Amino acid sequence: MLFAPDTEVALRSAVNLVNTLDSDGEEHLTTLADLDRFLQEEQFTGSRTHDDGELASVRTLRSRLRRLWDASEEDAVDLVNAILRETSALPQLVKHDHWDWHLHVTTPEAPLAQRVGAEAAMAFVDVIRSQELDRLRICAADDCEAVLIDLSKNRSKRYCDTGNCGNRAHVRAYRERKAAS
């Protein structure tokens, strides 16, 4: 494990949030039901307004987080610090449901986008402090722009988890090898 378990969960959630908008512009957070499904899959807890403003604020956060994959270290620090300031992050250890001790950086009553943003920002704090920004990658498939975080020990992850990019690339390479022989 490269980072603390809650950091890895927050990083994967950030990746999954960013990838709710495909590179071709296909939106996967179009309705409140889509947002509900996303939050359930990512196991986000806390208060909700269940309105279009909440959905819009999460989409805005998504575009801000996406910039981290192209940012220099200094720009990443500026963006992470801005999110932490805006969310009034106040890290606290908590234990609830099936989770052991982990960090919450806002109160459960804070607006959803603030909670999601603060948790993502705190996770990226660890990435930056560990000088691991190179683990933030864009899928290596020619026809995919999805983001990923490589949490593998050998830094070998090249393809996203949004589709079958890795499988398609391996099948293509296999067929090329067979055709060449």
N, C-alpha and C. Protein backbone atom coordinates (compact mmCIF):
# COMPACT_ATOMS: atom_id res chain seq x y z
N MET A 1 0.84 -1.17 0.00
CA MET A 1 0.00 0.00 0.00
C MET A 1 0.89 1.24 0.00
N LEU A 2 0.61 2.12 -0.92
CA LEU A 2 1.43 3.32 -1.07
C LEU A 2 0.99 4.43 -0.12
N PHE A 3 -0.31 4.61 0.02
CA PHE A 3 -0.87 5.65 0.88
C PHE A 3 -1.78 5.00 1.92
N ALA A 4 -2.21 5.79 2.89
CA ALA A 4 -3.17 5.29 3.88
C ALA A 4 -4.44 4.85 3.16
N PRO A 5 -5.15 3.87 3.72
CA PRO A 5 -6.33 3.35 3.04
C PRO A 5 -7.37 4.42 2.69
N ASP A 6 -7.62 5.37 3.60
CA ASP A 6 -8.63 6.38 3.28
C ASP A 6 -8.14 7.34 2.20
N THR A 7 -6.83 7.53 2.09
CA THR A 7 -6.28 8.35 1.02
C THR A 7 -6.49 7.66 -0.32
N GLU A 8 -6.23 6.36 -0.37
CA GLU A 8 -6.42 5.62 -1.61
C GLU A 8 -7.90 5.61 -2.02
N VAL A 9 -8.80 5.49 -1.06
CA VAL A 9 -10.23 5.53 -1.37
C VAL A 9 -10.60 6.90 -1.95
N ALA A 10 -10.10 7.96 -1.33
CA ALA A 10 -10.40 9.31 -1.81
C ALA A 10 -9.82 9.55 -3.20
N LEU A 11 -8.62 9.03 -3.46
CA LEU A 11 -8.01 9.18 -4.78
C LEU A 11 -8.82 8.43 -5.84
N ARG A 12 -9.24 7.21 -5.52
CA ARG A 12 -10.06 6.45 -6.48
C ARG A 12 -11.39 7.15 -6.72
N SER A 13 -11.97 7.72 -5.68
CA SER A 13 -13.22 8.45 -5.84
C SER A 13 -13.02 9.68 -6.72
N ALA A 14 -11.91 10.37 -6.55
CA ALA A 14 -11.61 11.53 -7.40
C ALA A 14 -11.47 11.10 -8.85
N VAL A 15 -10.77 10.00 -9.09
CA VAL A 15 -10.63 9.46 -10.45
C VAL A 15 -12.01 9.13 -11.00
N ASN A 16 -12.83 8.45 -10.22
CA ASN A 16 -14.16 8.06 -10.69
C ASN A 16 -15.04 9.27 -10.96
N LEU A 17 -14.91 10.30 -10.14
CA LEU A 17 -15.68 11.52 -10.37
C LEU A 17 -15.23 12.20 -11.67
N VAL A 18 -13.93 12.36 -11.85
CA VAL A 18 -13.43 12.99 -13.07
C VAL A 18 -13.89 12.21 -14.30
N ASN A 19 -13.90 10.91 -14.20
CA ASN A 19 -14.27 10.08 -15.35
C ASN A 19 -15.77 9.99 -15.59
N THR A 20 -16.58 10.74 -14.82
CA THR A 20 -18.01 10.79 -15.12
C THR A 20 -18.29 11.70 -16.31
N LEU A 21 -17.26 12.38 -16.80
CA LEU A 21 -17.37 13.15 -18.05
C LEU A 21 -16.35 12.56 -19.01
N ASP A 22 -16.84 11.90 -20.07
CA ASP A 22 -15.95 11.28 -21.05
C ASP A 22 -15.21 12.35 -21.84
N SER A 23 -14.09 11.95 -22.42
CA SER A 23 -13.30 12.87 -23.23
C SER A 23 -14.07 13.37 -24.44
N ASP A 24 -15.05 12.60 -24.90
CA ASP A 24 -15.86 13.03 -26.03
C ASP A 24 -17.05 13.89 -25.59
N GLY A 25 -17.07 14.23 -24.30
CA GLY A 25 -18.11 15.11 -23.78
C GLY A 25 -19.35 14.41 -23.27
N GLU A 26 -19.36 13.08 -23.29
CA GLU A 26 -20.53 12.36 -22.81
C GLU A 26 -20.60 12.48 -21.29
N GLU A 27 -21.70 13.02 -20.80
CA GLU A 27 -21.92 13.30 -19.39
C GLU A 27 -22.58 12.10 -18.72
N HIS A 28 -22.00 11.67 -17.60
CA HIS A 28 -22.59 10.55 -16.85
C HIS A 28 -23.18 11.01 -15.53
N LEU A 29 -23.14 12.30 -15.27
CA LEU A 29 -23.81 12.90 -14.10
C LEU A 29 -24.85 13.87 -14.60
N THR A 30 -25.86 13.36 -15.28
CA THR A 30 -26.87 14.24 -15.86
C THR A 30 -28.04 14.49 -14.93
N THR A 31 -28.33 13.54 -14.07
CA THR A 31 -29.50 13.66 -13.21
C THR A 31 -29.11 13.47 -11.74
N LEU A 32 -30.03 13.83 -10.89
CA LEU A 32 -29.81 13.60 -9.46
C LEU A 32 -29.70 12.11 -9.16
N ALA A 33 -30.40 11.29 -9.93
CA ALA A 33 -30.30 9.84 -9.75
C ALA A 33 -28.89 9.36 -10.09
N ASP A 34 -28.28 9.95 -11.12
CA ASP A 34 -26.89 9.61 -11.46
C ASP A 34 -25.96 9.98 -10.31
N LEU A 35 -26.18 11.15 -9.72
CA LEU A 35 -25.37 11.59 -8.59
C LEU A 35 -25.58 10.66 -7.40
N ASP A 36 -26.84 10.31 -7.14
CA ASP A 36 -27.13 9.37 -6.04
C ASP A 36 -26.38 8.06 -6.23
N ARG A 37 -26.41 7.54 -7.44
CA ARG A 37 -25.75 6.27 -7.75
C ARG A 37 -24.23 6.40 -7.54
N PHE A 38 -23.66 7.50 -8.05
CA PHE A 38 -22.23 7.72 -7.87
C PHE A 38 -21.87 7.76 -6.39
N LEU A 39 -22.61 8.52 -5.61
CA LEU A 39 -22.31 8.67 -4.18
C LEU A 39 -22.47 7.35 -3.44
N GLN A 40 -23.44 6.56 -3.84
CA GLN A 40 -23.63 5.26 -3.21
C GLN A 40 -22.45 4.34 -3.55
N GLU A 41 -22.04 4.33 -4.81
CA GLU A 41 -20.90 3.49 -5.20
C GLU A 41 -19.62 3.91 -4.49
N GLU A 42 -19.46 5.21 -4.28
CA GLU A 42 -18.26 5.72 -3.63
C GLU A 42 -18.39 5.77 -2.11
N GLN A 43 -19.55 5.43 -1.60
CA GLN A 43 -19.84 5.36 -0.16
C GLN A 43 -19.67 6.71 0.54
N PHE A 44 -20.10 7.78 -0.12
CA PHE A 44 -20.08 9.09 0.52
C PHE A 44 -21.27 9.21 1.46
N THR A 45 -21.02 9.76 2.63
CA THR A 45 -22.07 9.94 3.63
C THR A 45 -22.22 11.42 3.92
N GLY A 46 -23.19 11.76 4.73
CA GLY A 46 -23.40 13.15 5.14
C GLY A 46 -24.64 13.74 4.52
N SER A 47 -24.85 15.00 4.82
CA SER A 47 -26.07 15.67 4.40
C SER A 47 -26.12 15.87 2.88
N ARG A 48 -27.34 15.98 2.38
CA ARG A 48 -27.58 16.20 0.96
C ARG A 48 -28.74 17.16 0.81
N THR A 49 -28.70 17.97 -0.24
CA THR A 49 -29.84 18.82 -0.56
C THR A 49 -30.70 18.20 -1.65
N HIS A 50 -30.14 17.27 -2.40
CA HIS A 50 -30.85 16.58 -3.48
C HIS A 50 -31.48 17.57 -4.45
N ASP A 51 -30.71 18.58 -4.86
CA ASP A 51 -31.23 19.54 -5.82
C ASP A 51 -30.23 19.75 -6.96
N ASP A 52 -30.68 20.49 -7.97
CA ASP A 52 -29.84 20.72 -9.14
C ASP A 52 -28.58 21.53 -8.80
N GLY A 53 -28.66 22.38 -7.80
CA GLY A 53 -27.49 23.14 -7.37
C GLY A 53 -26.39 22.24 -6.85
N GLU A 54 -26.78 21.21 -6.12
CA GLU A 54 -25.81 20.25 -5.61
C GLU A 54 -25.13 19.51 -6.76
N LEU A 55 -25.93 19.09 -7.73
CA LEU A 55 -25.38 18.41 -8.91
C LEU A 55 -24.42 19.34 -9.66
N ALA A 56 -24.80 20.58 -9.84
CA ALA A 56 -23.94 21.54 -10.55
C ALA A 56 -22.64 21.78 -9.79
N SER A 57 -22.69 21.85 -8.48
CA SER A 57 -21.47 22.10 -7.70
C SER A 57 -20.52 20.91 -7.77
N VAL A 58 -21.05 19.69 -7.82
CA VAL A 58 -20.20 18.51 -7.95
C VAL A 58 -19.56 18.48 -9.33
N ARG A 59 -20.31 18.87 -10.37
CA ARG A 59 -19.74 18.93 -11.71
C ARG A 59 -18.63 19.98 -11.80
N THR A 60 -18.83 21.10 -11.14
CA THR A 60 -17.80 22.15 -11.12
C THR A 60 -16.55 21.63 -10.44
N LEU A 61 -16.72 20.96 -9.31
CA LEU A 61 -15.59 20.36 -8.61
C LEU A 61 -14.87 19.37 -9.52
N ARG A 62 -15.62 18.58 -10.25
CA ARG A 62 -15.04 17.59 -11.15
C ARG A 62 -14.08 18.24 -12.14
N SER A 63 -14.47 19.35 -12.73
CA SER A 63 -13.60 20.00 -13.70
C SER A 63 -12.35 20.58 -13.03
N ARG A 64 -12.48 21.03 -11.80
CA ARG A 64 -11.31 21.53 -11.06
C ARG A 64 -10.35 20.38 -10.76
N LEU A 65 -10.89 19.25 -10.31
CA LEU A 65 -10.04 18.10 -10.01
C LEU A 65 -9.35 17.58 -11.27
N ARG A 66 -10.03 17.62 -12.40
CA ARG A 66 -9.45 17.13 -13.65
C ARG A 66 -8.16 17.86 -13.99
N ARG A 67 -8.07 19.13 -13.63
CA ARG A 67 -6.88 19.93 -13.94
C ARG A 67 -5.63 19.39 -13.25
N LEU A 68 -5.81 18.63 -12.17
CA LEU A 68 -4.65 18.09 -11.46
C LEU A 68 -3.84 17.13 -12.33
N TRP A 69 -4.48 16.47 -13.28
CA TRP A 69 -3.78 15.49 -14.11
C TRP A 69 -2.83 16.16 -15.12
N ASP A 70 -3.01 17.44 -15.35
CA ASP A 70 -2.15 18.16 -16.28
C ASP A 70 -1.30 19.20 -15.58
N ALA A 71 -1.42 19.30 -14.27
CA ALA A 71 -0.79 20.39 -13.52
C ALA A 71 0.67 20.11 -13.19
N SER A 72 1.43 21.18 -13.16
CA SER A 72 2.77 21.09 -12.59
C SER A 72 2.62 20.96 -11.08
N GLU A 73 3.70 20.66 -10.40
CA GLU A 73 3.62 20.53 -8.95
C GLU A 73 3.13 21.83 -8.31
N GLU A 74 3.65 22.96 -8.75
CA GLU A 74 3.24 24.25 -8.17
C GLU A 74 1.76 24.53 -8.43
N ASP A 75 1.30 24.25 -9.63
CA ASP A 75 -0.11 24.47 -9.95
C ASP A 75 -1.01 23.52 -9.15
N ALA A 76 -0.55 22.28 -8.99
CA ALA A 76 -1.32 21.32 -8.18
C ALA A 76 -1.43 21.80 -6.74
N VAL A 77 -0.33 22.30 -6.20
CA VAL A 77 -0.34 22.82 -4.83
C VAL A 77 -1.32 23.99 -4.72
N ASP A 78 -1.28 24.90 -5.68
CA ASP A 78 -2.21 26.05 -5.66
C ASP A 78 -3.66 25.59 -5.69
N LEU A 79 -3.96 24.63 -6.55
CA LEU A 79 -5.34 24.15 -6.67
C LEU A 79 -5.78 23.43 -5.41
N VAL A 80 -4.94 22.55 -4.88
CA VAL A 80 -5.28 21.81 -3.66
C VAL A 80 -5.47 22.77 -2.49
N ASN A 81 -4.56 23.72 -2.35
CA ASN A 81 -4.69 24.70 -1.26
C ASN A 81 -5.95 25.54 -1.40
N ALA A 82 -6.31 25.91 -2.62
CA ALA A 82 -7.53 26.68 -2.84
C ALA A 82 -8.76 25.87 -2.41
N ILE A 83 -8.81 24.61 -2.78
CA ILE A 83 -9.95 23.77 -2.38
C ILE A 83 -10.00 23.62 -0.86
N LEU A 84 -8.86 23.40 -0.24
CA LEU A 84 -8.84 23.27 1.22
C LEU A 84 -9.31 24.55 1.90
N ARG A 85 -8.88 25.72 1.39
CA ARG A 85 -9.34 27.00 1.96
C ARG A 85 -10.85 27.17 1.79
N GLU A 86 -11.33 26.92 0.57
CA GLU A 86 -12.74 27.13 0.27
C GLU A 86 -13.65 26.20 1.07
N THR A 87 -13.16 25.04 1.41
CA THR A 87 -13.98 24.07 2.14
C THR A 87 -13.81 24.19 3.65
N SER A 88 -12.96 25.11 4.08
CA SER A 88 -12.67 25.26 5.52
C SER A 88 -12.30 23.93 6.14
N ALA A 89 -11.40 23.22 5.46
CA ALA A 89 -11.02 21.88 5.90
C ALA A 89 -10.49 21.91 7.34
N LEU A 90 -10.99 20.99 8.12
CA LEU A 90 -10.58 20.83 9.51
C LEU A 90 -10.47 19.33 9.78
N PRO A 91 -9.32 18.73 9.48
CA PRO A 91 -9.19 17.27 9.58
C PRO A 91 -9.49 16.75 10.97
N GLN A 92 -10.25 15.66 11.00
CA GLN A 92 -10.61 15.00 12.25
C GLN A 92 -10.64 13.49 12.02
N LEU A 93 -10.18 12.74 13.00
CA LEU A 93 -10.29 11.29 12.93
C LEU A 93 -11.70 10.87 13.32
N VAL A 94 -12.27 9.98 12.53
CA VAL A 94 -13.62 9.47 12.81
C VAL A 94 -13.67 7.98 12.53
N LYS A 95 -14.63 7.32 13.13
CA LYS A 95 -14.89 5.90 12.90
C LYS A 95 -16.40 5.76 12.78
N HIS A 96 -16.87 5.17 11.69
CA HIS A 96 -18.30 4.98 11.51
C HIS A 96 -18.57 3.84 10.55
N ASP A 97 -19.79 3.34 10.60
CA ASP A 97 -20.22 2.25 9.74
C ASP A 97 -19.16 1.15 9.74
N HIS A 98 -18.74 0.70 8.57
CA HIS A 98 -17.73 -0.37 8.50
C HIS A 98 -16.31 0.17 8.39
N TRP A 99 -16.13 1.49 8.47
CA TRP A 99 -14.82 2.12 8.36
C TRP A 99 -14.14 2.20 9.71
N ASP A 100 -12.88 1.85 9.75
CA ASP A 100 -12.08 2.05 10.95
C ASP A 100 -11.66 3.52 10.98
N TRP A 101 -10.73 3.89 11.85
CA TRP A 101 -10.30 5.27 11.96
C TRP A 101 -9.81 5.81 10.61
N HIS A 102 -10.35 6.96 10.24
CA HIS A 102 -9.96 7.62 9.00
C HIS A 102 -10.22 9.11 9.15
N LEU A 103 -9.76 9.89 8.18
CA LEU A 103 -9.93 11.33 8.24
C LEU A 103 -11.21 11.79 7.57
N HIS A 104 -11.90 12.67 8.24
CA HIS A 104 -12.93 13.49 7.61
C HIS A 104 -12.39 14.91 7.72
N VAL A 105 -12.53 15.66 6.68
CA VAL A 105 -11.93 16.99 6.71
C VAL A 105 -12.96 18.11 6.73
N THR A 106 -14.21 17.73 6.73
CA THR A 106 -15.31 18.68 6.94
C THR A 106 -16.35 18.00 7.81
N THR A 107 -17.34 18.73 8.19
CA THR A 107 -18.41 18.14 8.98
C THR A 107 -19.40 17.41 8.07
N PRO A 108 -20.14 16.47 8.61
CA PRO A 108 -21.14 15.77 7.79
C PRO A 108 -22.23 16.70 7.27
N GLU A 109 -22.37 17.87 7.88
CA GLU A 109 -23.40 18.83 7.47
C GLU A 109 -22.93 19.76 6.34
N ALA A 110 -21.63 19.75 6.06
CA ALA A 110 -21.10 20.62 4.99
C ALA A 110 -21.73 20.23 3.66
N PRO A 111 -21.86 21.17 2.75
CA PRO A 111 -22.40 20.84 1.42
C PRO A 111 -21.60 19.72 0.75
N LEU A 112 -22.29 18.93 -0.03
CA LEU A 112 -21.71 17.75 -0.65
C LEU A 112 -20.43 18.07 -1.42
N ALA A 113 -20.44 19.04 -2.29
CA ALA A 113 -19.25 19.34 -3.10
C ALA A 113 -18.08 19.74 -2.21
N GLN A 114 -18.36 20.40 -1.08
CA GLN A 114 -17.28 20.74 -0.16
C GLN A 114 -16.69 19.49 0.48
N ARG A 115 -17.55 18.55 0.88
CA ARG A 115 -17.05 17.31 1.48
C ARG A 115 -16.23 16.51 0.48
N VAL A 116 -16.75 16.37 -0.73
CA VAL A 116 -16.04 15.61 -1.76
C VAL A 116 -14.73 16.31 -2.10
N GLY A 117 -14.78 17.61 -2.27
CA GLY A 117 -13.58 18.37 -2.62
C GLY A 117 -12.53 18.34 -1.54
N ALA A 118 -12.94 18.49 -0.30
CA ALA A 118 -11.99 18.49 0.80
C ALA A 118 -11.31 17.13 0.93
N GLU A 119 -12.07 16.05 0.80
CA GLU A 119 -11.47 14.72 0.89
C GLU A 119 -10.50 14.47 -0.26
N ALA A 120 -10.89 14.88 -1.46
CA ALA A 120 -9.99 14.72 -2.60
C ALA A 120 -8.74 15.56 -2.40
N ALA A 121 -8.91 16.80 -1.98
CA ALA A 121 -7.76 17.69 -1.78
C ALA A 121 -6.79 17.12 -0.75
N MET A 122 -7.33 16.60 0.35
CA MET A 122 -6.45 16.01 1.37
C MET A 122 -5.70 14.80 0.81
N ALA A 123 -6.35 14.02 -0.02
CA ALA A 123 -5.67 12.88 -0.64
C ALA A 123 -4.56 13.36 -1.56
N PHE A 124 -4.83 14.42 -2.31
CA PHE A 124 -3.80 14.95 -3.20
C PHE A 124 -2.67 15.62 -2.42
N VAL A 125 -2.94 16.07 -1.21
CA VAL A 125 -1.87 16.57 -0.35
C VAL A 125 -0.83 15.47 -0.16
N ASP A 126 -1.29 14.26 0.14
CA ASP A 126 -0.36 13.14 0.33
C ASP A 126 0.39 12.81 -0.96
N VAL A 127 -0.29 12.88 -2.09
CA VAL A 127 0.36 12.60 -3.38
C VAL A 127 1.47 13.62 -3.62
N ILE A 128 1.17 14.88 -3.39
CA ILE A 128 2.16 15.94 -3.62
C ILE A 128 3.31 15.83 -2.63
N ARG A 129 2.99 15.66 -1.34
CA ARG A 129 4.05 15.58 -0.32
C ARG A 129 4.97 14.39 -0.55
N SER A 130 4.43 13.32 -1.10
CA SER A 130 5.22 12.12 -1.38
C SER A 130 5.93 12.20 -2.74
N GLN A 131 5.75 13.33 -3.42
CA GLN A 131 6.33 13.53 -4.75
C GLN A 131 5.92 12.40 -5.70
N GLU A 132 4.61 12.13 -5.72
CA GLU A 132 4.08 11.03 -6.52
C GLU A 132 3.09 11.53 -7.59
N LEU A 133 3.18 12.80 -7.98
CA LEU A 133 2.27 13.31 -9.00
C LEU A 133 2.37 12.54 -10.32
N ASP A 134 3.51 11.90 -10.56
CA ASP A 134 3.65 11.13 -11.80
C ASP A 134 2.75 9.89 -11.81
N ARG A 135 2.13 9.58 -10.69
CA ARG A 135 1.17 8.46 -10.65
C ARG A 135 -0.19 8.88 -11.23
N LEU A 136 -0.39 10.17 -11.43
CA LEU A 136 -1.61 10.65 -12.08
C LEU A 136 -1.39 10.54 -13.58
N ARG A 137 -2.21 9.76 -14.23
CA ARG A 137 -1.99 9.48 -15.66
C ARG A 137 -3.28 9.57 -16.44
N ILE A 138 -3.10 9.70 -17.75
CA ILE A 138 -4.19 9.62 -18.70
C ILE A 138 -4.09 8.23 -19.33
N CYS A 139 -5.22 7.61 -19.57
CA CYS A 139 -5.25 6.27 -20.15
C CYS A 139 -4.38 6.21 -21.41
N ALA A 140 -3.61 5.14 -21.56
CA ALA A 140 -2.70 4.99 -22.69
C ALA A 140 -3.39 4.54 -23.97
N ALA A 141 -4.67 4.19 -23.91
CA ALA A 141 -5.39 3.78 -25.11
C ALA A 141 -5.52 4.98 -26.05
N ASP A 142 -5.33 4.74 -27.32
CA ASP A 142 -5.37 5.82 -28.31
C ASP A 142 -6.71 6.54 -28.34
N ASP A 143 -7.78 5.84 -28.05
CA ASP A 143 -9.11 6.42 -28.17
C ASP A 143 -9.73 6.75 -26.82
N CYS A 144 -8.91 6.93 -25.79
CA CYS A 144 -9.45 7.19 -24.45
C CYS A 144 -8.66 8.31 -23.78
N GLU A 145 -9.37 9.17 -23.09
CA GLU A 145 -8.74 10.28 -22.35
C GLU A 145 -9.08 10.20 -20.86
N ALA A 146 -9.56 9.06 -20.41
CA ALA A 146 -9.93 8.92 -19.00
C ALA A 146 -8.69 9.04 -18.12
N VAL A 147 -8.90 9.49 -16.89
CA VAL A 147 -7.78 9.63 -15.97
C VAL A 147 -7.67 8.38 -15.11
N LEU A 148 -6.49 8.19 -14.54
CA LEU A 148 -6.28 7.09 -13.62
C LEU A 148 -5.21 7.49 -12.62
N ILE A 149 -5.17 6.77 -11.53
CA ILE A 149 -4.07 6.90 -10.58
C ILE A 149 -3.43 5.53 -10.47
N ASP A 150 -2.13 5.50 -10.69
CA ASP A 150 -1.39 4.24 -10.63
C ASP A 150 -0.95 4.01 -9.20
N LEU A 151 -1.64 3.12 -8.51
CA LEU A 151 -1.29 2.78 -7.14
C LEU A 151 -0.51 1.47 -7.06
N SER A 152 -0.07 0.98 -8.23
CA SER A 152 0.69 -0.27 -8.22
C SER A 152 2.10 -0.04 -7.71
N LYS A 153 2.68 -1.06 -7.11
CA LYS A 153 4.04 -0.95 -6.58
C LYS A 153 5.06 -0.69 -7.68
N ASN A 154 4.87 -1.33 -8.82
CA ASN A 154 5.86 -1.21 -9.89
C ASN A 154 5.52 -0.12 -10.91
N ARG A 155 4.54 0.72 -10.60
CA ARG A 155 4.17 1.86 -11.45
C ARG A 155 3.83 1.42 -12.87
N SER A 156 3.10 0.34 -13.02
CA SER A 156 2.86 -0.24 -14.33
C SER A 156 1.46 0.01 -14.89
N LYS A 157 0.59 0.64 -14.14
CA LYS A 157 -0.79 0.82 -14.63
C LYS A 157 -0.80 1.86 -15.74
N ARG A 158 -1.33 1.47 -16.89
CA ARG A 158 -1.35 2.36 -18.04
C ARG A 158 -2.75 2.63 -18.56
N TYR A 159 -3.70 1.78 -18.19
CA TYR A 159 -5.04 1.89 -18.76
C TYR A 159 -6.06 2.16 -17.66
N CYS A 160 -7.12 2.87 -18.03
CA CYS A 160 -8.17 3.24 -17.10
C CYS A 160 -9.05 2.05 -16.74
N ASP A 161 -9.95 2.29 -15.81
CA ASP A 161 -10.91 1.27 -15.39
C ASP A 161 -12.31 1.57 -15.92
N THR A 162 -12.43 2.56 -16.82
CA THR A 162 -13.76 2.96 -17.27
C THR A 162 -14.31 2.07 -18.36
N GLY A 163 -13.45 1.40 -19.07
CA GLY A 163 -13.88 0.53 -20.16
C GLY A 163 -13.00 -0.68 -20.23
N ASN A 164 -12.80 -1.15 -21.42
CA ASN A 164 -11.95 -2.32 -21.63
C ASN A 164 -10.66 -1.92 -22.33
N CYS A 165 -10.15 -0.75 -22.02
CA CYS A 165 -8.98 -0.22 -22.72
C CYS A 165 -7.79 -1.15 -22.64
N GLY A 166 -7.46 -1.62 -21.47
CA GLY A 166 -6.32 -2.51 -21.31
C GLY A 166 -6.53 -3.81 -22.06
N ASN A 167 -7.71 -4.38 -21.94
CA ASN A 167 -8.01 -5.63 -22.62
C ASN A 167 -7.93 -5.45 -24.14
N ARG A 168 -8.50 -4.36 -24.65
CA ARG A 168 -8.46 -4.11 -26.10
C ARG A 168 -7.02 -3.96 -26.58
N ALA A 169 -6.18 -3.25 -25.81
CA ALA A 169 -4.79 -3.06 -26.20
C ALA A 169 -4.03 -4.38 -26.20
N HIS A 170 -4.29 -5.22 -25.22
CA HIS A 170 -3.61 -6.52 -25.15
C HIS A 170 -4.05 -7.44 -26.29
N VAL A 171 -5.35 -7.41 -26.61
CA VAL A 171 -5.85 -8.23 -27.73
C VAL A 171 -5.23 -7.73 -29.04
N ARG A 172 -5.18 -6.41 -29.23
CA ARG A 172 -4.58 -5.84 -30.43
C ARG A 172 -3.11 -6.25 -30.55
N ALA A 173 -2.36 -6.16 -29.45
CA ALA A 173 -0.94 -6.54 -29.48
C ALA A 173 -0.78 -8.02 -29.79
N TYR A 174 -1.65 -8.85 -29.21
CA TYR A 174 -1.61 -10.29 -29.48
C TYR A 174 -1.84 -10.56 -30.96
N ARG A 175 -2.84 -9.91 -31.52
CA ARG A 175 -3.15 -10.13 -32.93
C ARG A 175 -2.00 -9.66 -33.83
N GLU A 176 -1.38 -8.54 -33.45
CA GLU A 176 -0.23 -8.05 -34.22
C GLU A 176 0.92 -9.03 -34.17
N ARG A 177 1.16 -9.62 -32.99
CA ARG A 177 2.23 -10.60 -32.86
C ARG A 177 1.93 -11.84 -33.69
N LYS A 178 0.67 -12.28 -33.66
CA LYS A 178 0.27 -13.46 -34.44
C LYS A 178 0.41 -13.19 -35.93
N ALA A 179 0.02 -12.00 -36.36
CA ALA A 179 0.10 -11.67 -37.79
C ALA A 179 1.54 -11.57 -38.25
N ALA A 180 2.42 -11.13 -37.37
CA ALA A 180 3.83 -10.98 -37.73
C ALA A 180 4.56 -12.31 -37.78
N SER A 181 4.01 -13.33 -37.12
CA SER A 181 4.72 -14.63 -37.09
C SER A 181 4.21 -15.58 -38.13
